[in-house]
Protein backbone atom coordinates (compact mmCIF):
# COMPACT_ATOMS: atom_id res chain seq x y z
CA MET A 1 119.99 223.26 95.88
CA THR A 2 121.64 223.48 92.54
CA PHE A 3 122.11 220.83 89.92
CA ASP A 4 125.33 220.38 88.09
CA ASP A 5 124.86 220.91 84.38
CA GLY A 6 127.19 218.04 83.53
CA ALA A 7 125.47 215.52 85.73
CA PRO A 8 123.56 212.73 83.97
CA GLU A 9 119.82 212.89 84.08
CA PRO A 10 118.13 210.43 86.35
CA PRO A 11 116.82 207.34 84.48
CA LYS A 12 113.23 207.59 83.31
CA ARG A 13 110.85 205.13 84.85
CA GLY A 14 109.57 202.68 82.23
CA THR A 15 106.52 200.47 82.26
CA PRO A 16 106.70 197.96 85.12
CA LEU A 17 107.54 194.37 84.14
CA TRP A 18 104.29 192.91 85.47
CA LEU A 19 102.32 195.28 83.26
CA LYS A 20 104.29 194.19 80.20
CA ILE A 21 103.66 190.52 81.00
CA ALA A 22 99.94 191.15 81.54
CA GLY A 23 99.72 193.03 78.22
CA VAL A 24 101.41 190.20 76.30
CA GLY A 25 99.18 187.63 78.01
CA CYS A 26 95.99 189.54 77.21
CA GLY A 27 97.13 190.03 73.63
CA GLY A 28 97.79 186.28 73.29
CA VAL A 29 94.37 185.43 74.70
CA LEU A 30 92.76 187.91 72.30
CA VAL A 31 94.55 186.29 69.34
CA LEU A 32 93.35 182.82 70.47
CA ILE A 33 89.78 184.07 70.79
CA LEU A 34 89.90 185.56 67.28
CA VAL A 35 91.32 182.32 65.84
CA ALA A 36 88.63 180.25 67.61
CA ALA A 37 85.90 182.60 66.36
CA GLY A 38 87.26 182.26 62.82
CA LEU A 39 87.26 178.46 63.05
CA VAL A 40 83.69 178.39 64.37
CA ALA A 41 82.50 180.81 61.67
CA GLY A 42 84.27 178.82 58.96
CA ASN A 43 82.79 175.50 60.10
CA TRP A 44 79.36 176.73 61.19
CA SER A 45 77.35 174.51 58.84
CA ARG A 46 79.30 171.42 59.87
CA LEU A 47 78.89 172.24 63.58
CA THR A 48 75.14 172.76 63.22
CA GLY A 49 74.94 169.42 61.39
CA TYR A 50 76.68 167.69 64.31
CA TYR A 51 74.32 169.41 66.72
CA GLN A 52 71.24 168.34 64.76
CA GLN A 53 72.52 164.76 64.57
CA ALA A 54 73.20 164.65 68.33
CA LYS A 55 69.76 166.11 69.02
CA SER A 56 68.13 163.50 66.75
CA ASN A 57 70.06 160.67 68.41
CA LEU A 58 69.00 161.86 71.85
CA ASN A 59 65.36 162.03 70.75
CA ASP A 60 65.63 158.48 69.38
CA LEU A 61 67.06 157.21 72.67
CA MET A 62 64.32 158.94 74.64
CA THR A 63 61.73 157.28 72.39
CA VAL A 64 63.29 153.86 73.03
CA GLN A 65 63.42 154.54 76.76
CA ALA A 66 59.74 155.54 76.85
CA ALA A 67 58.67 152.46 74.86
CA LEU A 68 60.61 150.11 77.15
CA ARG A 69 59.43 151.83 80.33
CA LYS A 70 55.83 151.52 79.17
CA LYS A 71 56.11 147.86 78.18
CA TYR A 72 58.22 146.57 81.08
CA ASP A 73 57.27 148.96 83.92
CA ALA A 74 60.88 149.34 85.03
CA GLU A 75 63.61 151.93 85.27
CA VAL A 76 65.37 152.01 81.89
CA ARG A 77 68.97 153.10 81.38
CA ILE A 78 70.26 153.43 77.84
CA THR A 79 73.81 153.82 76.58
CA VAL A 80 75.33 153.77 73.13
CA LYS A 81 78.84 152.41 73.08
CA HIS A 82 81.61 151.32 70.78
CA VAL A 83 83.74 148.31 71.73
CA ASP A 84 86.97 147.24 70.06
CA GLY A 85 86.44 144.05 68.10
CA THR A 86 82.71 144.66 67.68
CA ARG A 87 81.48 145.90 64.35
CA GLY A 88 79.27 148.98 64.64
CA SER A 89 77.64 150.60 67.64
CA ILE A 90 75.97 148.82 70.54
CA LEU A 91 72.69 149.99 72.00
CA SER A 92 72.91 148.93 75.62
CA VAL A 93 69.63 148.73 77.55
CA ILE A 94 69.53 148.13 81.30
CA LEU A 95 66.20 147.31 82.89
CA VAL A 96 66.38 147.83 86.65
CA ASN A 97 64.06 145.68 88.77
CA PRO A 98 61.58 144.79 86.03
CA PRO A 99 58.64 142.72 87.36
CA LEU A 100 59.51 139.91 84.92
CA LEU A 101 62.58 139.08 87.07
CA ASP A 102 60.15 137.55 89.59
CA ARG A 103 58.55 135.18 87.08
CA VAL A 104 61.26 134.36 84.52
CA ASN A 105 64.32 132.19 85.10
CA MET A 106 67.03 134.47 83.71
CA ASP A 107 69.59 131.65 83.66
CA GLY A 108 67.47 129.52 81.33
CA PRO A 109 66.18 129.88 77.78
CA GLU A 110 63.28 132.03 79.04
CA GLY A 111 65.78 134.69 80.11
CA ARG A 112 67.32 134.85 76.64
CA ALA A 113 63.85 134.99 75.08
CA ALA A 114 62.89 137.88 77.38
CA ALA A 115 66.11 139.71 76.46
CA LEU A 116 65.42 139.12 72.76
CA ASP A 117 61.98 140.66 73.23
CA VAL A 118 63.52 143.72 74.92
CA ALA A 119 66.06 144.13 72.09
CA THR A 120 63.32 143.75 69.49
CA THR A 121 61.15 146.34 71.25
CA ALA A 122 64.10 148.75 71.35
CA ARG A 123 64.85 148.21 67.66
CA ASP A 124 61.21 148.62 66.65
CA ALA A 125 60.98 151.93 68.54
CA LEU A 126 63.71 153.36 66.29
CA ALA A 127 63.33 154.66 62.77
CA ALA A 128 64.91 152.37 60.17
CA ALA A 129 67.82 154.77 59.59
CA SER A 130 68.55 154.98 63.33
CA ARG A 131 68.81 151.26 64.13
CA TYR A 132 71.94 149.76 65.64
CA ASP A 133 74.18 146.88 64.57
CA ASN A 134 74.26 145.33 68.04
CA TYR A 135 71.98 145.24 71.07
CA GLU A 136 72.90 144.49 74.65
CA VAL A 137 70.19 143.84 77.23
CA VAL A 138 70.96 143.77 80.94
CA PHE A 139 68.41 142.79 83.56
CA ARG A 140 69.51 144.23 86.89
CA ARG A 141 68.08 143.47 90.28
CA GLU A 142 68.98 146.11 92.85
CA ARG A 143 68.12 146.02 96.54
CA ASP A 144 69.17 148.19 99.43
CA SER A 145 69.01 146.62 102.84
CA ALA A 146 70.61 147.71 106.09
CA GLY A 147 72.80 150.24 104.28
CA ALA A 148 74.22 147.65 101.90
CA SER A 149 73.44 147.55 98.21
CA VAL A 150 72.95 144.14 96.62
CA SER A 151 72.64 143.68 92.87
CA GLY A 152 72.60 140.94 90.28
CA ASN A 153 73.00 141.27 86.52
CA TRP A 154 72.00 139.07 83.61
CA GLU A 155 73.54 140.23 80.32
CA PHE A 156 72.54 139.22 76.81
CA ARG A 157 73.98 140.40 73.49
CA PHE A 158 72.46 140.21 70.05
CA VAL A 159 73.55 141.15 66.56
CA ALA A 160 70.81 142.94 64.64
CA ALA A 161 70.50 139.88 62.36
CA ASP A 162 69.57 137.75 65.43
CA LEU A 163 66.42 139.77 66.01
CA PRO A 164 63.12 138.70 64.46
CA PRO A 165 62.04 140.54 61.32
CA VAL A 166 60.51 143.97 61.72
CA LYS A 167 56.76 143.74 62.18
CA GLN A 168 54.60 145.23 59.44
CA GLY A 169 53.58 148.76 60.35
CA THR A 170 56.74 149.70 62.29
CA SER A 171 59.22 151.99 60.64
């Protein structure tokens, strides 16, 4: 078989399209990783400060939880929340099935007094710099019977100024 000298050469095979797309995609991801690494390196001290603050806040909440669990012998759930229209943060404490539900009328003044005591105990378990502007106390009765869950809640809210003065000897 002979080839004609004047015939055009067959086209050269280039890089397949999928390989070009994969190369551009990998290059883009690499650029994003380098930018992210630069941002992290540039803000490292700020990020470690946020981490330390979060760690401190979590330790404070665990201290409050332990103090309330010890005093009230109940499951304690703690949340920190921000609500529109409320100045500052709210430390929300939920006591689940505390024994005092059996002896205190939660709908009367004794219920509010018990909630005030819970909020005061929570506040006193915190360091002075870690105290909250608002406290919410929820007494929750939960029962499971015949596959159905029955619960009742009594909610009380206090501004920090409503709580009794800090006892001498607490931080």
